[in-house]
Protein backbone atom coordinates (compact mmCIF):
# COMPACT_ATOMS: atom_id res chain seq x y z
CA UNK A 1 0.04 -0.07 -0.10
CA UNK A 2 1.20 3.54 -0.85
CA UNK A 3 2.27 5.73 2.02
CA UNK A 4 -0.44 8.40 1.01
CA UNK A 5 -3.28 5.58 1.20
CA UNK A 6 -2.09 4.63 4.74
CA UNK A 7 -2.11 8.22 5.71
CA UNK A 8 -5.68 8.53 4.44
CA UNK A 9 -6.73 5.46 6.36
CA UNK A 10 -5.02 6.70 9.63
CA UNK A 11 -6.38 10.23 9.41
CA UNK A 12 -10.05 8.74 9.00
CA UNK A 13 -9.68 8.04 12.69
CA UNK A 14 -10.73 10.53 15.13
CA UNK A 15 -7.70 12.06 16.90
CA UNK A 16 -5.22 11.12 14.02
CA UNK A 17 -4.26 13.98 11.71
CA UNK A 18 -1.53 13.83 9.07
CA UNK A 19 1.46 14.51 11.44
CA UNK A 20 0.39 11.50 13.89
CA UNK A 21 -0.31 9.41 10.84
CA UNK A 22 3.30 10.07 9.73
CA UNK A 23 4.65 9.44 13.09
CA UNK A 24 2.76 6.10 13.43
CA UNK A 25 4.23 5.18 9.94
CA UNK A 26 7.81 6.04 10.76
CA UNK A 27 7.46 3.95 14.09
CA UNK A 28 6.40 0.79 12.21
CA UNK A 29 2.66 0.97 12.24
CA UNK A 30 2.19 0.87 8.36
CA UNK A 31 -1.21 -0.66 8.26
CA UNK A 32 -4.78 -0.53 10.05
CA UNK A 33 -4.07 -4.18 10.81
CA UNK A 34 -0.94 -3.41 12.68
CA UNK A 35 -2.70 -0.69 14.63
CA UNK A 36 -5.51 -3.14 15.59
CA UNK A 37 -2.96 -5.69 16.91
CA UNK A 38 -1.09 -3.20 18.94
CA UNK A 39 -1.54 -2.21 22.58
CA UNK A 40 -2.03 0.96 24.38
CA UNK A 41 1.60 0.55 25.41
CA UNK A 42 2.83 0.16 21.86
CA UNK A 43 1.13 3.09 20.67
CA UNK A 44 2.31 5.37 23.69
CA UNK A 45 5.84 4.56 22.62
CA UNK A 46 5.45 6.92 19.78
CA UNK A 47 6.13 10.47 20.44
CA UNK A 48 2.91 12.51 20.21
CA UNK A 49 0.64 9.74 21.05
CA UNK A 50 -0.68 10.17 24.58
CA UNK A 51 -2.49 7.29 26.70
CA UNK A 52 -5.88 8.73 25.88
CA UNK A 53 -5.03 9.08 22.16
CA UNK A 54 -4.01 5.38 22.08
CA UNK A 55 -7.10 4.30 23.84
CA UNK A 56 -9.16 6.27 21.37
CA UNK A 57 -7.59 4.75 18.44
CA UNK A 58 -7.91 1.10 19.68
CA UNK A 59 -11.36 1.64 20.60
CA UNK A 60 -12.35 2.96 17.26
CA UNK A 61 -10.54 0.00 15.57
CA UNK A 62 -12.15 -2.45 17.64
CA UNK A 63 -15.39 -1.00 17.51
CA UNK A 64 -15.23 -1.33 13.66
CA UNK A 65 -14.58 -4.96 14.07
CA UNK A 66 -17.45 -5.64 16.36
CA UNK A 67 -19.82 -3.65 13.76
CA UNK A 68 -18.52 -5.95 11.04
CA UNK A 69 -19.30 -9.09 13.21
CA UNK A 70 -22.82 -7.65 13.82
CA UNK A 71 -23.52 -7.17 10.28
CA UNK A 72 -22.30 -10.53 9.39
CA UNK A 73 -24.55 -12.01 12.05
CA UNK A 74 -27.36 -10.13 10.76
CA UNK A 75 -26.63 -11.55 7.12
CA UNK A 76 -26.93 -14.95 8.37
CA UNK A 77 -30.30 -14.35 10.15
CA UNK A 78 -31.52 -13.11 7.05
CA UNK A 79 -30.30 -16.06 4.88
CA UNK A 80 -32.00 -18.44 7.39
CA UNK A 81 -35.45 -16.94 7.15
């Protein structure tokens, strides 16, 4: 994935602007998947990412995952009926 595309994905998260997105990339977080699999402690190691910011990022990412699961379950229910 091209750096500009990664920045676009990261900046879609509340609390992540272009500067923070670039910091995340420079510190090895070069995909949404890597962010999802990280911990608050991992993200706090990045200069400019506070504990609150790290929590907010992870909550948003995990919230998206839960929503996808909910949608998948709804599709299964519809197919059964």
